[in-house]
Amino acid sequence: MKKKILAVLGLLCSMTLMAGFAACDSLLTPPSNSSDSSSSSQQEVTYSLDSTKFEKVVAYKSTLNYNNLVIKASLGETINVTEDMVSGAVTDKTGSQTLTISYKGETFNVGYEVKYAVKFVVDGKTIDTQLVLRASEVKYPTETPVKEGDVFEGWQPAKIQAVTDNITVQAKFKGTEVGGGDENVTADIEFENADVYVREYGEPGDITFTTNSTAQGLKYALELSNQNIECEMYNGLIAVKANKAGVTELTLKVTDAEGNVLDTATKKVVVKPHSFLINKSALGSGDIEGIRTIGR
């Protein structure tokens, strides 16, 4: 009988010890790998670029607004794009451009277009800004500007012949000053001769032009579509020296003392090969007026 009681007690002790070991094991066993799952999730974060508020068309020589670009993380975090993330920000060249954003090994590209800005100003206030690439795209306001006590006389410049830079078009009122001068500042360019023909390696040909302004502080600048010719500008005259046969577009730009573009005009210069001589009878007097014929 004693042996049976001892056996039962021994069994109970063994069971108690096993239960104690199990409890200890549960205490010593680390919790489930939820932290590992969290760590794994952090390593698998993905990013995307939200450019819905980014301006896809911007003004020439303007500053791009990066604040409208946002990087979104898959876990809900948002990161504002800053200048150090960006490359390829170009606004001094018109046409289609691509902005590249880099963040934590990810690269995103967003396209935008640069155009010239044409501002219409009435009594010192901008009433309209148009972004264009060509003069034909400019739309003058249809409503007549109003200024109390004055009469609207027209826009300056009255017509835009070419767009090669940002332009400010100002409303002209009778008895008011435009452009800060002592008079109404206008600078409508008129070339006095038709397309210009010069000879390769010959003497310079002359292009004459006029503007309808006597205002002080106006500045004149030339832009050439290629290097076929060289130009020097004097009062009302552009001397053209030909370097290479071909066709060049010469653009004359007039700005006021504050740098506002008042008018632009384009002239075609045709450079003939060295053996070419200008035939006055073939061209007609209107084509060679103001041109010094060369190679005679």
C-alpha atoms as a PDB file:
ATOM      1  CA  MET A   1       0.000   0.000   0.000  1.00  0.00           C
ATOM      2  CA  LYS A   2       2.801   2.389   0.890  1.00  0.00           C
ATOM      3  CA  LYS A   3       4.431   1.642  -2.442  1.00  0.00           C
ATOM      4  CA  LYS A   4       1.278   2.609  -4.338  1.00  0.00           C
ATOM      5  CA  ILE A   5       0.961   5.841  -2.413  1.00  0.00           C
ATOM      6  CA  LEU A   6       4.609   6.687  -3.100  1.00  0.00           C
ATOM      7  CA  ALA A   7       4.144   5.938  -6.813  1.00  0.00           C
ATOM      8  CA  VAL A   8       1.115   8.235  -6.979  1.00  0.00           C
ATOM      9  CA  LEU A   9       2.986  11.003  -5.194  1.00  0.00           C
ATOM     10  CA  GLY A  10       5.926  10.590  -7.547  1.00  0.00           C
ATOM     11  CA  LEU A  11       3.628  10.881 -10.571  1.00  0.00           C
ATOM     12  CA  LEU A  12       2.025  14.005  -9.185  1.00  0.00           C
ATOM     13  CA  CYS A  13       5.429  15.557  -8.569  1.00  0.00           C
ATOM     14  CA  SER A  14       6.506  14.783 -12.117  1.00  0.00           C
ATOM     15  CA  MET A  15       3.382  16.380 -13.532  1.00  0.00           C
ATOM     16  CA  THR A  16       3.895  19.455 -11.347  1.00  0.00           C
ATOM     17  CA  LEU A  17       7.486  19.793 -12.495  1.00  0.00           C
ATOM     18  CA  MET A  18       6.478  19.438 -16.147  1.00  0.00           C
ATOM     19  CA  ALA A  19       3.854  22.150 -15.740  1.00  0.00           C
ATOM     20  CA  GLY A  20       6.436  24.397 -14.120  1.00  0.00           C
ATOM     21  CA  PHE A  21       8.868  23.835 -16.968  1.00  0.00           C
ATOM     22  CA  ALA A  22       6.149  24.643 -19.485  1.00  0.00           C
ATOM     23  CA  ALA A  23       5.378  27.880 -17.663  1.00  0.00           C
ATOM     24  CA  CYS A  24       9.045  28.773 -17.637  1.00  0.00           C
ATOM     25  CA  ASP A  25       9.311  28.014 -21.315  1.00  0.00           C
ATOM     26  CA  SER A  26       6.399  30.321 -22.037  1.00  0.00           C
ATOM     27  CA  LEU A  27       8.089  33.068 -20.083  1.00  0.00           C
ATOM     28  CA  LEU A  28      11.422  32.570 -21.815  1.00  0.00           C
ATOM     29  CA  THR A  29      10.013  32.169 -25.307  1.00  0.00           C
ATOM     30  CA  PRO A  30      10.158  35.508 -27.211  1.00  0.00           C
ATOM     31  CA  PRO A  31       6.900  36.974 -28.434  1.00  0.00           C
ATOM     32  CA  SER A  32       5.710  36.386 -31.947  1.00  0.00           C
ATOM     33  CA  ASN A  33       7.807  38.037 -34.669  1.00  0.00           C
ATOM     34  CA  SER A  34       5.460  41.000 -35.084  1.00  0.00           C
ATOM     35  CA  SER A  35       8.432  43.379 -34.860  1.00  0.00           C
ATOM     36  CA  ASP A  36      10.136  41.428 -37.603  1.00  0.00           C
ATOM     37  CA  SER A  37       7.012  41.837 -39.716  1.00  0.00           C
ATOM     38  CA  SER A  38       7.025  45.568 -38.985  1.00  0.00           C
ATOM     39  CA  SER A  39      10.688  45.790 -39.931  1.00  0.00           C
ATOM     40  CA  SER A  40       9.972  43.858 -43.106  1.00  0.00           C
ATOM     41  CA  SER A  41       7.136  46.243 -43.927  1.00  0.00           C
ATOM     42  CA  GLN A  42       9.421  49.256 -43.474  1.00  0.00           C
ATOM     43  CA  GLN A  43      11.929  47.777 -45.874  1.00  0.00           C
ATOM     44  CA  GLU A  44       9.236  47.293 -48.496  1.00  0.00           C
ATOM     45  CA  VAL A  45       8.021  50.927 -48.589  1.00  0.00           C
ATOM     46  CA  THR A  46       7.363  52.185 -52.123  1.00  0.00           C
ATOM     47  CA  TYR A  47       7.206  55.766 -53.355  1.00  0.00           C
ATOM     48  CA  SER A  48       5.260  57.582 -56.056  1.00  0.00           C
ATOM     49  CA  LEU A  49       5.277  61.157 -57.354  1.00  0.00           C
ATOM     50  CA  ASP A  50       2.133  63.271 -57.203  1.00  0.00           C
ATOM     51  CA  SER A  51       2.422  66.015 -59.849  1.00  0.00           C
ATOM     52  CA  THR A  52      -1.271  66.851 -60.217  1.00  0.00           C
ATOM     53  CA  LYS A  53      -0.746  70.409 -58.906  1.00  0.00           C
ATOM     54  CA  PHE A  54       2.522  71.033 -60.756  1.00  0.00           C
ATOM     55  CA  GLU A  55       2.306  73.728 -63.450  1.00  0.00           C
ATOM     56  CA  LYS A  56       2.879  71.975 -66.771  1.00  0.00           C
ATOM     57  CA  VAL A  57       3.366  75.258 -68.697  1.00  0.00           C
ATOM     58  CA  VAL A  58       5.690  77.915 -67.251  1.00  0.00           C
ATOM     59  CA  ALA A  59       6.985  81.306 -68.325  1.00  0.00           C
ATOM     60  CA  TYR A  60      10.353  81.817 -69.977  1.00  0.00           C
ATOM     61  CA  LYS A  61      13.096  82.647 -67.421  1.00  0.00           C
ATOM     62  CA  SER A  62      10.700  82.049 -64.524  1.00  0.00           C
ATOM     63  CA  THR A  63      11.339  80.007 -61.351  1.00  0.00           C
ATOM     64  CA  LEU A  64       9.858  76.532 -61.157  1.00  0.00           C
ATOM     65  CA  ASN A  65       7.605  75.934 -58.155  1.00  0.00           C
ATOM     66  CA  TYR A  66       8.757  72.653 -56.588  1.00  0.00           C
ATOM     67  CA  ASN A  67       6.286  72.991 -53.703  1.00  0.00           C
ATOM     68  CA  ASN A  68       3.557  71.631 -55.947  1.00  0.00           C
ATOM     69  CA  LEU A  69       5.421  68.323 -56.294  1.00  0.00           C
ATOM     70  CA  VAL A  70       4.883  65.722 -53.561  1.00  0.00           C
ATOM     71  CA  ILE A  71       6.368  62.260 -53.059  1.00  0.00           C
ATOM     72  CA  LYS A  72       3.953  59.814 -51.439  1.00  0.00           C
ATOM     73  CA  ALA A  73       5.055  56.732 -49.485  1.00  0.00           C
ATOM     74  CA  SER A  74       3.016  53.525 -49.407  1.00  0.00           C
ATOM     75  CA  LEU A  75       2.691  53.826 -45.598  1.00  0.00           C
ATOM     76  CA  GLY A  76       1.008  57.233 -45.904  1.00  0.00           C
ATOM     77  CA  GLU A  77       3.985  59.559 -45.442  1.00  0.00           C
ATOM     78  CA  THR A  78       4.247  62.585 -47.781  1.00  0.00           C
ATOM     79  CA  ILE A  79       7.493  64.343 -48.655  1.00  0.00           C
ATOM     80  CA  ASN A  80       7.646  67.776 -50.280  1.00  0.00           C
ATOM     81  CA  VAL A  81      10.116  67.980 -53.162  1.00  0.00           C
ATOM     82  CA  THR A  82      13.020  70.347 -52.443  1.00  0.00           C
ATOM     83  CA  GLU A  83      15.657  71.861 -54.684  1.00  0.00           C
ATOM     84  CA  ASP A  84      18.338  69.339 -53.689  1.00  0.00           C
ATOM     85  CA  MET A  85      16.179  66.498 -55.091  1.00  0.00           C
ATOM     86  CA  VAL A  86      15.768  68.134 -58.495  1.00  0.00           C
ATOM     87  CA  SER A  87      17.836  68.171 -61.675  1.00  0.00           C
ATOM     88  CA  GLY A  88      17.083  69.392 -65.185  1.00  0.00           C
ATOM     89  CA  ALA A  89      15.195  72.524 -64.115  1.00  0.00           C
ATOM     90  CA  VAL A  90      15.382  74.633 -67.296  1.00  0.00           C
ATOM     91  CA  THR A  91      13.375  77.794 -67.992  1.00  0.00           C
ATOM     92  CA  ASP A  92      15.817  79.790 -70.139  1.00  0.00           C
ATOM     93  CA  LYS A  93      14.995  77.655 -73.174  1.00  0.00           C
ATOM     94  CA  THR A  94      11.545  77.358 -74.712  1.00  0.00           C
ATOM     95  CA  GLY A  95       9.886  74.080 -75.620  1.00  0.00           C
ATOM     96  CA  SER A  96       9.342  70.753 -73.877  1.00  0.00           C
ATOM     97  CA  GLN A  97      11.550  70.063 -70.842  1.00  0.00           C
ATOM     98  CA  THR A  98      11.906  67.219 -68.332  1.00  0.00           C
ATOM     99  CA  LEU A  99      12.365  67.624 -64.589  1.00  0.00           C
ATOM    100  CA  THR A 100      14.017  64.719 -62.733  1.00  0.00           C
ATOM    101  CA  ILE A 101      13.368  64.090 -59.017  1.00  0.00           C
ATOM    102  CA  SER A 102      15.526  61.664 -57.005  1.00  0.00           C
ATOM    103  CA  TYR A 103      14.615  60.336 -53.555  1.00  0.00           C
ATOM    104  CA  LYS A 104      15.968  57.302 -51.653  1.00  0.00           C
ATOM    105  CA  GLY A 105      17.093  55.533 -54.795  1.00  0.00           C
ATOM    106  CA  GLU A 106      13.891  56.270 -56.685  1.00  0.00           C
ATOM    107  CA  THR A 107      13.824  58.479 -59.793  1.00  0.00           C
ATOM    108  CA  PHE A 108      10.761  60.285 -61.127  1.00  0.00           C
ATOM    109  CA  ASN A 109      10.394  62.353 -64.304  1.00  0.00           C
ATOM    110  CA  VAL A 110       7.779  65.016 -64.939  1.00  0.00           C
ATOM    111  CA  GLY A 111       7.397  66.939 -68.180  1.00  0.00           C
ATOM    112  CA  TYR A 112       6.622  70.627 -68.611  1.00  0.00           C
ATOM    113  CA  GLU A 113       6.774  73.268 -71.342  1.00  0.00           C
ATOM    114  CA  VAL A 114       8.450  76.681 -71.339  1.00  0.00           C
ATOM    115  CA  LYS A 115       6.805  79.518 -73.286  1.00  0.00           C
ATOM    116  CA  TYR A 116       7.267  83.272 -73.620  1.00  0.00           C
ATOM    117  CA  ALA A 117       5.093  85.431 -71.377  1.00  0.00           C
ATOM    118  CA  VAL A 118       3.155  88.277 -72.986  1.00  0.00           C
ATOM    119  CA  LYS A 119       1.687  90.632 -70.371  1.00  0.00           C
ATOM    120  CA  PHE A 120      -1.006  93.194 -71.047  1.00  0.00           C
ATOM    121  CA  VAL A 121      -0.772  96.128 -68.654  1.00  0.00           C
ATOM    122  CA  VAL A 122      -3.376  98.840 -68.063  1.00  0.00           C
ATOM    123  CA  ASP A 123      -2.471 101.777 -65.836  1.00  0.00           C
ATOM    124  CA  GLY A 124       0.318  99.802 -64.170  1.00  0.00           C
ATOM    125  CA  LYS A 125      -1.803  96.681 -63.528  1.00  0.00           C
ATOM    126  CA  THR A 126      -1.430  93.387 -65.422  1.00  0.00           C
ATOM    127  CA  ILE A 127      -4.858  92.393 -66.749  1.00  0.00           C
ATOM    128  CA  ASP A 128      -3.775  89.328 -68.728  1.00  0.00           C
ATOM    129  CA  THR A 129      -0.723  87.107 -69.164  1.00  0.00           C
ATOM    130  CA  GLN A 130      -0.469  84.767 -72.135  1.00  0.00           C
ATOM    131  CA  LEU A 131       2.125  82.016 -72.558  1.00  0.00           C
ATOM    132  CA  VAL A 132       2.999  81.606 -76.233  1.00  0.00           C
ATOM    133  CA  LEU A 133       5.718  80.338 -78.564  1.00  0.00           C
ATOM    134  CA  ARG A 134       4.782  82.362 -81.651  1.00  0.00           C
ATOM    135  CA  ALA A 135       3.457  85.844 -82.344  1.00  0.00           C
ATOM    136  CA  SER A 136       0.402  84.351 -84.063  1.00  0.00           C
ATOM    137  CA  GLU A 137      -0.718  82.913 -80.719  1.00  0.00           C
ATOM    138  CA  VAL A 138      -0.977  86.327 -79.030  1.00  0.00           C
ATOM    139  CA  LYS A 139      -4.567  87.463 -78.579  1.00  0.00           C
ATOM    140  CA  TYR A 140      -5.056  91.147 -77.821  1.00  0.00           C
ATOM    141  CA  PRO A 141      -7.853  91.873 -75.329  1.00  0.00           C
ATOM    142  CA  THR A 142     -11.209  92.465 -76.994  1.00  0.00           C
ATOM    143  CA  GLU A 143     -12.481  94.790 -74.275  1.00  0.00           C
ATOM    144  CA  THR A 144     -11.355  98.411 -74.431  1.00  0.00           C
ATOM    145  CA  PRO A 145      -9.234  99.374 -71.410  1.00  0.00           C
ATOM    146  CA  VAL A 146     -10.715 102.087 -69.239  1.00  0.00           C
ATOM    147  CA  LYS A 147      -8.974 104.778 -67.222  1.00  0.00           C
ATOM    148  CA  GLU A 148     -10.975 107.499 -65.557  1.00  0.00           C
ATOM    149  CA  GLY A 149     -10.578 110.865 -67.261  1.00  0.00           C
ATOM    150  CA  ASP A 150      -8.542 109.518 -70.222  1.00  0.00           C
ATOM    151  CA  VAL A 151      -9.233 108.107 -73.660  1.00  0.00           C
ATOM    152  CA  PHE A 152      -7.742 104.786 -74.780  1.00  0.00           C
ATOM    153  CA  GLU A 153      -5.641 105.239 -77.929  1.00  0.00           C
ATOM    154  CA  GLY A 154      -4.307 101.744 -78.468  1.00  0.00           C
ATOM    155  CA  TRP A 155      -1.795  99.140 -77.350  1.00  0.00           C
ATOM    156  CA  GLN A 156       1.975  99.524 -77.397  1.00  0.00           C
ATOM    157  CA  PRO A 157       3.229  97.752 -79.380  1.00  0.00           C
ATOM    158  CA  ALA A 158       0.182  97.733 -81.629  1.00  0.00           C
ATOM    159  CA  LYS A 159       1.290  94.480 -83.255  1.00  0.00           C
ATOM    160  CA  ILE A 160       3.766  91.794 -82.271  1.00  0.00           C
ATOM    161  CA  GLN A 161       5.666  90.557 -85.309  1.00  0.00           C
ATOM    162  CA  ALA A 162       7.911  88.036 -83.549  1.00  0.00           C
ATOM    163  CA  VAL A 163       8.304  86.655 -80.038  1.00  0.00           C
ATOM    164  CA  THR A 164      11.856  85.987 -78.884  1.00  0.00           C
ATOM    165  CA  ASP A 165      11.538  87.057 -75.244  1.00  0.00           C
ATOM    166  CA  ASN A 166       8.938  87.974 -72.641  1.00  0.00           C
ATOM    167  CA  ILE A 167       6.964  91.030 -73.801  1.00  0.00           C
ATOM    168  CA  THR A 168       4.980  93.693 -71.975  1.00  0.00           C
ATOM    169  CA  VAL A 169       2.156  95.279 -73.978  1.00  0.00           C
ATOM    170  CA  GLN A 170       0.938  98.503 -72.416  1.00  0.00           C
ATOM    171  CA  ALA A 171      -2.293 100.419 -72.872  1.00  0.00           C
ATOM    172  CA  LYS A 172      -1.793 103.913 -74.226  1.00  0.00           C
ATOM    173  CA  PHE A 173      -4.160 106.639 -73.048  1.00  0.00           C
ATOM    174  CA  LYS A 174      -4.400 110.183 -74.352  1.00  0.00           C
ATOM    175  CA  GLY A 175      -2.537 112.545 -72.068  1.00  0.00           C
ATOM    176  CA  THR A 176      -0.802 109.784 -70.047  1.00  0.00           C
ATOM    177  CA  GLU A 177       2.747 108.500 -69.973  1.00  0.00           C
ATOM    178  CA  VAL A 178       3.683 104.922 -70.747  1.00  0.00           C
ATOM    179  CA  GLY A 179       7.032 103.419 -69.822  1.00  0.00           C
ATOM    180  CA  GLY A 180       8.165 106.181 -67.486  1.00  0.00           C
ATOM    181  CA  GLY A 181       9.389 108.606 -70.164  1.00  0.00           C
ATOM    182  CA  ASP A 182       8.515 112.190 -70.981  1.00  0.00           C
ATOM    183  CA  GLU A 183       6.094 111.037 -73.668  1.00  0.00           C
ATOM    184  CA  ASN A 184       4.081 108.058 -74.768  1.00  0.00           C
ATOM    185  CA  VAL A 185       6.753 105.458 -75.483  1.00  0.00           C
ATOM    186  CA  THR A 186       6.247 103.422 -78.611  1.00  0.00           C
ATOM    187  CA  ALA A 187       8.749 101.578 -80.733  1.00  0.00           C
ATOM    188  CA  ASP A 188       7.006  99.990 -83.686  1.00  0.00           C
ATOM    189  CA  ILE A 189       9.832  98.777 -85.924  1.00  0.00           C
ATOM    190  CA  GLU A 190       9.639  99.243 -89.693  1.00  0.00           C
ATOM    191  CA  PHE A 191      12.275  97.824 -92.048  1.00  0.00           C
ATOM    192  CA  GLU A 192      12.631 100.022 -95.110  1.00  0.00           C
ATOM    193  CA  ASN A 193      13.803  97.294 -97.449  1.00  0.00           C
ATOM    194  CA  ALA A 194      12.582  93.831 -98.385  1.00  0.00           C
ATOM    195  CA  ASP A 195      14.552  90.620 -97.885  1.00  0.00           C
ATOM    196  CA  VAL A 196      18.261  91.398 -98.012  1.00  0.00           C
ATOM    197  CA  TYR A 197      20.645  89.765-100.478  1.00  0.00           C
ATOM    198  CA  VAL A 198      24.394  89.882 -99.923  1.00  0.00           C
ATOM    199  CA  ARG A 199      27.325  87.992-101.386  1.00  0.00           C
ATOM    200  CA  GLU A 200      29.478  85.486 -99.566  1.00  0.00           C
ATOM    201  CA  TYR A 201      32.786  87.074 -98.441  1.00  0.00           C
ATOM    202  CA  GLY A 202      31.738  90.354-100.075  1.00  0.00           C
ATOM    203  CA  GLU A 203      31.356  93.857 -98.685  1.00  0.00           C
ATOM    204  CA  PRO A 204      28.640  94.427 -96.067  1.00  0.00           C
ATOM    205  CA  GLY A 205      25.084  95.115 -97.075  1.00  0.00           C
ATOM    206  CA  ASP A 206      22.932  97.640 -95.247  1.00  0.00           C
ATOM    207  CA  ILE A 207      19.523  97.139 -93.637  1.00  0.00           C
ATOM    208  CA  THR A 208      17.738 100.337 -92.702  1.00  0.00           C
ATOM    209  CA  PHE A 209      14.962 100.532 -90.128  1.00  0.00           C
ATOM    210  CA  THR A 210      12.904 103.120 -88.269  1.00  0.00           C
ATOM    211  CA  THR A 211      10.822 103.277 -85.107  1.00  0.00           C
ATOM    212  CA  ASN A 212       8.076 105.746 -84.271  1.00  0.00           C
ATOM    213  CA  SER A 213       9.679 106.751 -80.975  1.00  0.00           C
ATOM    214  CA  THR A 214      11.900 109.613 -79.899  1.00  0.00           C
ATOM    215  CA  ALA A 215      11.957 108.487 -76.268  1.00  0.00           C
ATOM    216  CA  GLN A 216      15.210 108.370 -74.382  1.00  0.00           C
ATOM    217  CA  GLY A 217      16.762 105.181 -73.001  1.00  0.00           C
ATOM    218  CA  LEU A 218      15.502 102.741 -75.617  1.00  0.00           C
ATOM    219  CA  LYS A 219      17.815  99.793 -76.258  1.00  0.00           C
ATOM    220  CA  TYR A 220      18.203  97.788 -79.462  1.00  0.00           C
ATOM    221  CA  ALA A 221      19.422  94.202 -79.661  1.00  0.00           C
ATOM    222  CA  LEU A 222      19.989  91.781 -82.540  1.00  0.00           C
ATOM    223  CA  GLU A 223      19.506  88.017 -82.570  1.00  0.00           C
ATOM    224  CA  LEU A 224      20.594  85.770 -85.464  1.00  0.00           C
ATOM    225  CA  SER A 225      19.237  82.322 -86.300  1.00  0.00           C
ATOM    226  CA  ASN A 226      22.700  81.098 -87.334  1.00  0.00           C
ATOM    227  CA  GLN A 227      26.291  82.277 -87.864  1.00  0.00           C
ATOM    228  CA  ASN A 228      26.128  82.764 -91.616  1.00  0.00           C
ATOM    229  CA  ILE A 229      26.335  86.533 -91.121  1.00  0.00           C
ATOM    230  CA  GLU A 230      27.788  89.120 -88.745  1.00  0.00           C
ATOM    231  CA  CYS A 231      26.076  92.408 -87.933  1.00  0.00           C
ATOM    232  CA  GLU A 232      26.951  95.824 -86.576  1.00  0.00           C
ATOM    233  CA  MET A 233      24.222  98.277 -85.688  1.00  0.00           C
ATOM    234  CA  TYR A 234      24.289 102.054 -85.991  1.00  0.00           C
ATOM    235  CA  ASN A 235      21.542 104.665 -85.758  1.00  0.00           C
ATOM    236  CA  GLY A 236      18.816 103.306 -88.006  1.00  0.00           C
ATOM    237  CA  LEU A 237      21.166 101.032 -89.930  1.00  0.00           C
ATOM    238  CA  ILE A 238      22.395  97.445 -89.634  1.00  0.00           C
ATOM    239  CA  ALA A 239      25.547  96.526 -91.551  1.00  0.00           C
ATOM    240  CA  VAL A 240      25.495  92.879 -92.613  1.00  0.00           C
ATOM    241  CA  LYS A 241      28.678  90.970 -93.412  1.00  0.00           C
ATOM    242  CA  ALA A 242      28.250  87.528 -94.969  1.00  0.00           C
ATOM    243  CA  ASN A 243      30.383  84.584 -93.861  1.00  0.00           C
ATOM    244  CA  LYS A 244      28.613  81.643 -95.459  1.00  0.00           C
ATOM    245  CA  ALA A 245      25.995  81.096 -98.122  1.00  0.00           C
ATOM    246  CA  GLY A 246      22.501  80.390 -96.827  1.00  0.00           C
ATOM    247  CA  VAL A 247      19.480  82.067 -95.224  1.00  0.00           C
ATOM    248  CA  THR A 248      19.532  83.798 -91.826  1.00  0.00           C
ATOM    249  CA  GLU A 249      16.667  85.312 -89.873  1.00  0.00           C
ATOM    250  CA  LEU A 250      17.697  88.540 -88.167  1.00  0.00           C
ATOM    251  CA  THR A 251      15.513  89.657 -85.254  1.00  0.00           C
ATOM    252  CA  LEU A 252      15.628  93.240 -83.970  1.00  0.00           C
ATOM    253  CA  LYS A 253      14.341  93.817 -80.447  1.00  0.00           C
ATOM    254  CA  VAL A 254      13.570  97.166 -78.803  1.00  0.00           C
ATOM    255  CA  THR A 255      13.310  97.515 -75.011  1.00  0.00           C
ATOM    256  CA  ASP A 256      12.619 100.512 -72.804  1.00  0.00           C
ATOM    257  CA  ALA A 257      14.769 101.788 -69.938  1.00  0.00           C
ATOM    258  CA  GLU A 258      13.148  99.273 -67.558  1.00  0.00           C
ATOM    259  CA  GLY A 259      13.872  96.290 -69.803  1.00  0.00           C
ATOM    260  CA  ASN A 260      10.319  95.805 -71.105  1.00  0.00           C
ATOM    261  CA  VAL A 261      10.221  94.578 -74.701  1.00  0.00           C
ATOM    262  CA  LEU A 262       8.325  97.161 -76.765  1.00  0.00           C
ATOM    263  CA  ASP A 263       8.562  95.506 -80.162  1.00  0.00           C
ATOM    264  CA  THR A 264      10.389  92.876 -82.194  1.00  0.00           C
ATOM    265  CA  ALA A 265      10.740  92.520 -85.957  1.00  0.00           C
ATOM    266  CA  THR A 266      12.349  89.885 -88.148  1.00  0.00           C
ATOM    267  CA  LYS A 267      14.179  90.299 -91.447  1.00  0.00           C
ATOM    268  CA  LYS A 268      15.376  87.540 -93.788  1.00  0.00           C
ATOM    269  CA  VAL A 269      18.959  87.817 -95.039  1.00  0.00           C
ATOM    270  CA  VAL A 270      19.913  85.678 -98.036  1.00  0.00           C
ATOM    271  CA  VAL A 271      23.622  85.065 -98.568  1.00  0.00           C
ATOM    272  CA  LYS A 272      24.424  84.018-102.117  1.00  0.00           C
ATOM    273  CA  PRO A 273      27.587  82.124-103.101  1.00  0.00           C
ATOM    274  CA  HIS A 274      30.656  84.151-103.955  1.00  0.00           C
ATOM    275  CA  SER A 275      29.967  84.124-107.702  1.00  0.00           C
ATOM    276  CA  PHE A 276      26.484  85.602-107.299  1.00  0.00           C
ATOM    277  CA  LEU A 277      25.940  89.224-108.320  1.00  0.00           C
ATOM    278  CA  ILE A 278      22.827  91.184-107.425  1.00  0.00           C
ATOM    279  CA  ASN A 279      20.743  91.936-110.493  1.00  0.00           C
ATOM    280  CA  LYS A 280      18.892  95.170-109.849  1.00  0.00           C
ATOM    281  CA  SER A 281      16.571  94.752-112.810  1.00  0.00           C
ATOM    282  CA  ALA A 282      15.574  91.245-111.669  1.00  0.00           C
ATOM    283  CA  LEU A 283      14.950  92.213-108.046  1.00  0.00           C
ATOM    284  CA  GLY A 284      13.182  95.465-108.639  1.00  0.00           C
ATOM    285  CA  SER A 285      13.821  98.796-106.943  1.00  0.00           C
ATOM    286  CA  GLY A 286      11.704  97.911-103.929  1.00  0.00           C
ATOM    287  CA  ASP A 287      13.878  94.909-103.091  1.00  0.00           C
ATOM    288  CA  ILE A 288      17.184  96.779-103.053  1.00  0.00           C
ATOM    289  CA  GLU A 289      16.155 100.056-101.486  1.00  0.00           C
ATOM    290  CA  GLY A 290      18.492 100.781 -98.608  1.00  0.00           C
ATOM    291  CA  ILE A 291      20.924  98.000 -99.640  1.00  0.00           C
ATOM    292  CA  ARG A 292      24.451  98.752-100.773  1.00  0.00           C
ATOM    293  CA  THR A 293      24.892  96.550-103.861  1.00  0.00           C
ATOM    294  CA  ILE A 294      28.147  94.635-103.771  1.00  0.00           C
ATOM    295  CA  GLY A 295      30.438  93.047-106.320  1.00  0.00           C
ATOM    296  CA  ARG A 296      29.911  95.710-108.982  1.00  0.00           C
END
